[in-house]
Amino acid sequence: MVTVLRGSGFRVIIFLDDHLPAHVHVFGDGHAKINLAGPGGECELVWVEGMKRSEVRKALQLVEDHRADLLLRWRDIHG
């Protein structure tokens, strides 16, 4: 796993042996999986464990704010 971003109390990682679609895992008090390009082109929450709704909103905003960079990191790691 590679930590690709830290911010707002979260650690955003990409697993080296992960699969499509391009996504990240966000760890804070819980864990969320967020696709980097949902059906409408925006980030999409896949699932969440142990996070409050306010944390989920913050995590989604963090990933959305850095989506272009995170997609580049995904491509660097997974081709």
N, C-alpha and C. Protein backbone atom coordinates (compact mmCIF):
# COMPACT_ATOMS: atom_id res chain seq x y z
N MET A 1 0.83 -1.17 0.00
CA MET A 1 0.00 0.00 0.00
C MET A 1 0.88 1.23 0.00
N VAL A 2 0.39 2.27 -0.66
CA VAL A 2 1.12 3.51 -0.78
C VAL A 2 0.24 4.64 -0.27
N THR A 3 0.75 5.40 0.70
CA THR A 3 0.03 6.59 1.15
C THR A 3 0.27 7.68 0.11
N VAL A 4 -0.81 8.16 -0.48
CA VAL A 4 -0.70 9.14 -1.56
C VAL A 4 -1.14 10.54 -1.14
N LEU A 5 -1.77 10.64 0.03
CA LEU A 5 -2.25 11.95 0.48
C LEU A 5 -2.57 11.86 1.96
N ARG A 6 -2.26 12.92 2.67
CA ARG A 6 -2.68 13.08 4.07
C ARG A 6 -3.32 14.46 4.18
N GLY A 7 -4.44 14.53 4.89
CA GLY A 7 -5.08 15.82 5.09
C GLY A 7 -6.39 15.66 5.83
N SER A 8 -6.78 16.70 6.54
CA SER A 8 -8.06 16.73 7.27
C SER A 8 -8.21 15.56 8.22
N GLY A 9 -7.11 15.05 8.73
CA GLY A 9 -7.16 13.92 9.66
C GLY A 9 -7.29 12.57 8.99
N PHE A 10 -7.11 12.53 7.67
CA PHE A 10 -7.24 11.30 6.90
C PHE A 10 -5.91 10.90 6.27
N ARG A 11 -5.81 9.61 6.00
CA ARG A 11 -4.70 9.07 5.21
C ARG A 11 -5.34 8.39 4.01
N VAL A 12 -4.94 8.78 2.82
CA VAL A 12 -5.49 8.25 1.57
C VAL A 12 -4.44 7.31 0.97
N ILE A 13 -4.85 6.08 0.70
CA ILE A 13 -3.90 5.10 0.19
C ILE A 13 -4.42 4.42 -1.08
N ILE A 14 -3.46 3.88 -1.83
CA ILE A 14 -3.75 3.02 -2.98
C ILE A 14 -3.02 1.71 -2.72
N PHE A 15 -3.74 0.61 -2.78
CA PHE A 15 -3.11 -0.70 -2.61
C PHE A 15 -2.40 -1.08 -3.90
N LEU A 16 -1.19 -1.62 -3.77
CA LEU A 16 -0.38 -1.98 -4.93
C LEU A 16 -0.99 -3.11 -5.75
N ASP A 17 -1.71 -4.01 -5.10
CA ASP A 17 -2.29 -5.17 -5.79
C ASP A 17 -3.79 -5.01 -5.99
N ASP A 18 -4.25 -3.76 -6.12
CA ASP A 18 -5.69 -3.49 -6.22
C ASP A 18 -6.18 -3.64 -7.66
N HIS A 19 -7.41 -3.36 -7.89
CA HIS A 19 -8.11 -3.64 -9.14
C HIS A 19 -8.86 -2.41 -9.63
N LEU A 20 -9.29 -2.44 -10.87
CA LEU A 20 -10.15 -1.40 -11.42
C LEU A 20 -11.54 -1.52 -10.83
N PRO A 21 -12.31 -0.46 -10.81
CA PRO A 21 -12.01 0.88 -11.29
C PRO A 21 -11.05 1.61 -10.36
N ALA A 22 -10.46 2.69 -10.87
CA ALA A 22 -9.52 3.48 -10.08
C ALA A 22 -10.22 4.00 -8.83
N HIS A 23 -9.60 3.73 -7.68
CA HIS A 23 -10.21 4.13 -6.41
C HIS A 23 -9.13 4.29 -5.35
N VAL A 24 -9.51 4.90 -4.24
CA VAL A 24 -8.62 5.04 -3.10
C VAL A 24 -9.34 4.55 -1.85
N HIS A 25 -8.54 4.28 -0.83
CA HIS A 25 -9.05 3.92 0.48
C HIS A 25 -8.68 5.06 1.42
N VAL A 26 -9.65 5.53 2.17
CA VAL A 26 -9.44 6.66 3.07
C VAL A 26 -9.59 6.15 4.50
N PHE A 27 -8.56 6.37 5.30
CA PHE A 27 -8.56 5.94 6.70
C PHE A 27 -8.56 7.15 7.61
N GLY A 28 -9.44 7.13 8.57
CA GLY A 28 -9.52 8.13 9.63
C GLY A 28 -9.92 7.35 10.87
N ASP A 29 -11.05 7.71 11.45
CA ASP A 29 -11.60 6.91 12.55
C ASP A 29 -12.17 5.60 12.02
N GLY A 30 -12.47 5.58 10.73
CA GLY A 30 -12.98 4.39 10.06
C GLY A 30 -12.27 4.23 8.74
N HIS A 31 -12.96 3.66 7.78
CA HIS A 31 -12.36 3.33 6.48
C HIS A 31 -13.43 3.48 5.41
N ALA A 32 -13.08 4.15 4.32
CA ALA A 32 -14.00 4.31 3.20
C ALA A 32 -13.27 4.00 1.90
N LYS A 33 -14.01 3.46 0.96
CA LYS A 33 -13.50 3.23 -0.39
C LYS A 33 -14.22 4.21 -1.31
N ILE A 34 -13.44 4.97 -2.09
CA ILE A 34 -14.01 5.99 -2.96
C ILE A 34 -13.47 5.82 -4.37
N ASN A 35 -14.39 5.62 -5.33
CA ASN A 35 -14.00 5.57 -6.74
C ASN A 35 -13.61 6.97 -7.19
N LEU A 36 -12.59 7.06 -8.02
CA LEU A 36 -12.11 8.36 -8.48
C LEU A 36 -12.88 8.88 -9.68
N ALA A 37 -13.64 8.05 -10.34
CA ALA A 37 -14.43 8.48 -11.49
C ALA A 37 -15.73 7.69 -11.52
N GLY A 38 -16.74 8.25 -10.89
CA GLY A 38 -18.05 7.60 -10.89
C GLY A 38 -18.74 7.79 -12.23
N PRO A 39 -20.00 7.34 -12.34
CA PRO A 39 -20.73 7.42 -13.60
C PRO A 39 -20.84 8.83 -14.16
N GLY A 40 -20.93 9.83 -13.28
CA GLY A 40 -21.02 11.22 -13.74
C GLY A 40 -19.68 11.92 -13.81
N GLY A 41 -18.60 11.17 -13.59
CA GLY A 41 -17.27 11.75 -13.65
C GLY A 41 -16.75 12.23 -12.30
N GLU A 42 -17.64 12.33 -11.32
CA GLU A 42 -17.22 12.78 -10.00
C GLU A 42 -16.83 11.59 -9.12
N CYS A 43 -16.26 11.87 -7.98
CA CYS A 43 -15.92 10.81 -7.03
C CYS A 43 -17.19 10.16 -6.51
N GLU A 44 -17.08 8.88 -6.18
CA GLU A 44 -18.27 8.12 -5.76
C GLU A 44 -17.91 7.24 -4.57
N LEU A 45 -18.67 7.37 -3.51
CA LEU A 45 -18.49 6.54 -2.32
C LEU A 45 -18.95 5.12 -2.64
N VAL A 46 -18.07 4.15 -2.42
CA VAL A 46 -18.41 2.75 -2.68
C VAL A 46 -18.94 2.11 -1.40
N TRP A 47 -18.20 2.24 -0.31
CA TRP A 47 -18.65 1.75 0.99
C TRP A 47 -17.88 2.47 2.09
N VAL A 48 -18.42 2.37 3.29
CA VAL A 48 -17.80 3.02 4.44
C VAL A 48 -18.01 2.15 5.68
N GLU A 49 -17.00 2.12 6.55
CA GLU A 49 -17.09 1.39 7.81
C GLU A 49 -16.58 2.30 8.93
N GLY A 50 -17.38 2.55 9.93
CA GLY A 50 -16.93 3.22 11.14
C GLY A 50 -16.71 4.71 11.05
N MET A 51 -17.24 5.37 10.02
CA MET A 51 -17.10 6.82 9.90
C MET A 51 -18.47 7.47 10.10
N LYS A 52 -18.47 8.62 10.77
CA LYS A 52 -19.68 9.42 10.89
C LYS A 52 -19.95 10.09 9.55
N ARG A 53 -21.20 10.49 9.35
CA ARG A 53 -21.56 11.14 8.08
C ARG A 53 -20.70 12.37 7.81
N SER A 54 -20.42 13.15 8.86
CA SER A 54 -19.60 14.35 8.67
C SER A 54 -18.19 13.98 8.21
N GLU A 55 -17.65 12.88 8.71
CA GLU A 55 -16.32 12.42 8.28
C GLU A 55 -16.36 11.95 6.83
N VAL A 56 -17.43 11.28 6.46
CA VAL A 56 -17.58 10.82 5.08
C VAL A 56 -17.60 12.01 4.13
N ARG A 57 -18.35 13.04 4.50
CA ARG A 57 -18.39 14.24 3.66
C ARG A 57 -17.01 14.87 3.51
N LYS A 58 -16.27 14.96 4.62
CA LYS A 58 -14.92 15.52 4.58
C LYS A 58 -13.99 14.66 3.73
N ALA A 59 -14.11 13.35 3.86
CA ALA A 59 -13.27 12.43 3.08
C ALA A 59 -13.57 12.57 1.59
N LEU A 60 -14.85 12.62 1.24
CA LEU A 60 -15.23 12.79 -0.16
C LEU A 60 -14.71 14.12 -0.71
N GLN A 61 -14.81 15.17 0.08
CA GLN A 61 -14.35 16.48 -0.38
C GLN A 61 -12.84 16.49 -0.57
N LEU A 62 -12.11 15.86 0.35
CA LEU A 62 -10.66 15.77 0.23
C LEU A 62 -10.27 15.05 -1.06
N VAL A 63 -10.90 13.92 -1.32
CA VAL A 63 -10.59 13.14 -2.52
C VAL A 63 -10.99 13.92 -3.77
N GLU A 64 -12.15 14.55 -3.75
CA GLU A 64 -12.60 15.34 -4.91
C GLU A 64 -11.63 16.49 -5.18
N ASP A 65 -11.17 17.16 -4.13
CA ASP A 65 -10.24 18.29 -4.30
C ASP A 65 -8.92 17.86 -4.92
N HIS A 66 -8.54 16.61 -4.73
CA HIS A 66 -7.24 16.12 -5.23
C HIS A 66 -7.41 15.01 -6.27
N ARG A 67 -8.59 14.92 -6.85
CA ARG A 67 -8.93 13.82 -7.75
C ARG A 67 -7.96 13.68 -8.92
N ALA A 68 -7.62 14.78 -9.57
CA ALA A 68 -6.73 14.71 -10.73
C ALA A 68 -5.37 14.13 -10.34
N ASP A 69 -4.82 14.59 -9.23
CA ASP A 69 -3.53 14.07 -8.76
C ASP A 69 -3.64 12.60 -8.36
N LEU A 70 -4.74 12.24 -7.73
CA LEU A 70 -4.92 10.85 -7.30
C LEU A 70 -5.07 9.93 -8.50
N LEU A 71 -5.75 10.39 -9.55
CA LEU A 71 -5.85 9.58 -10.78
C LEU A 71 -4.48 9.38 -11.41
N LEU A 72 -3.64 10.42 -11.39
CA LEU A 72 -2.28 10.28 -11.92
C LEU A 72 -1.49 9.26 -11.10
N ARG A 73 -1.61 9.31 -9.79
CA ARG A 73 -0.92 8.35 -8.93
C ARG A 73 -1.41 6.93 -9.19
N TRP A 74 -2.74 6.78 -9.38
CA TRP A 74 -3.30 5.45 -9.68
C TRP A 74 -2.67 4.91 -10.97
N ARG A 75 -2.60 5.77 -11.99
CA ARG A 75 -2.03 5.33 -13.27
C ARG A 75 -0.55 5.02 -13.14
N ASP A 76 0.17 5.80 -12.34
CA ASP A 76 1.60 5.51 -12.11
C ASP A 76 1.79 4.14 -11.47
N ILE A 77 0.90 3.81 -10.55
CA ILE A 77 1.02 2.55 -9.81
C ILE A 77 0.50 1.36 -10.60
N HIS A 78 -0.64 1.55 -11.27
CA HIS A 78 -1.32 0.41 -11.92
C HIS A 78 -1.27 0.43 -13.45
N GLY A 79 -0.74 1.47 -14.01
CA GLY A 79 -0.64 1.51 -15.47
C GLY A 79 -1.88 1.99 -16.15
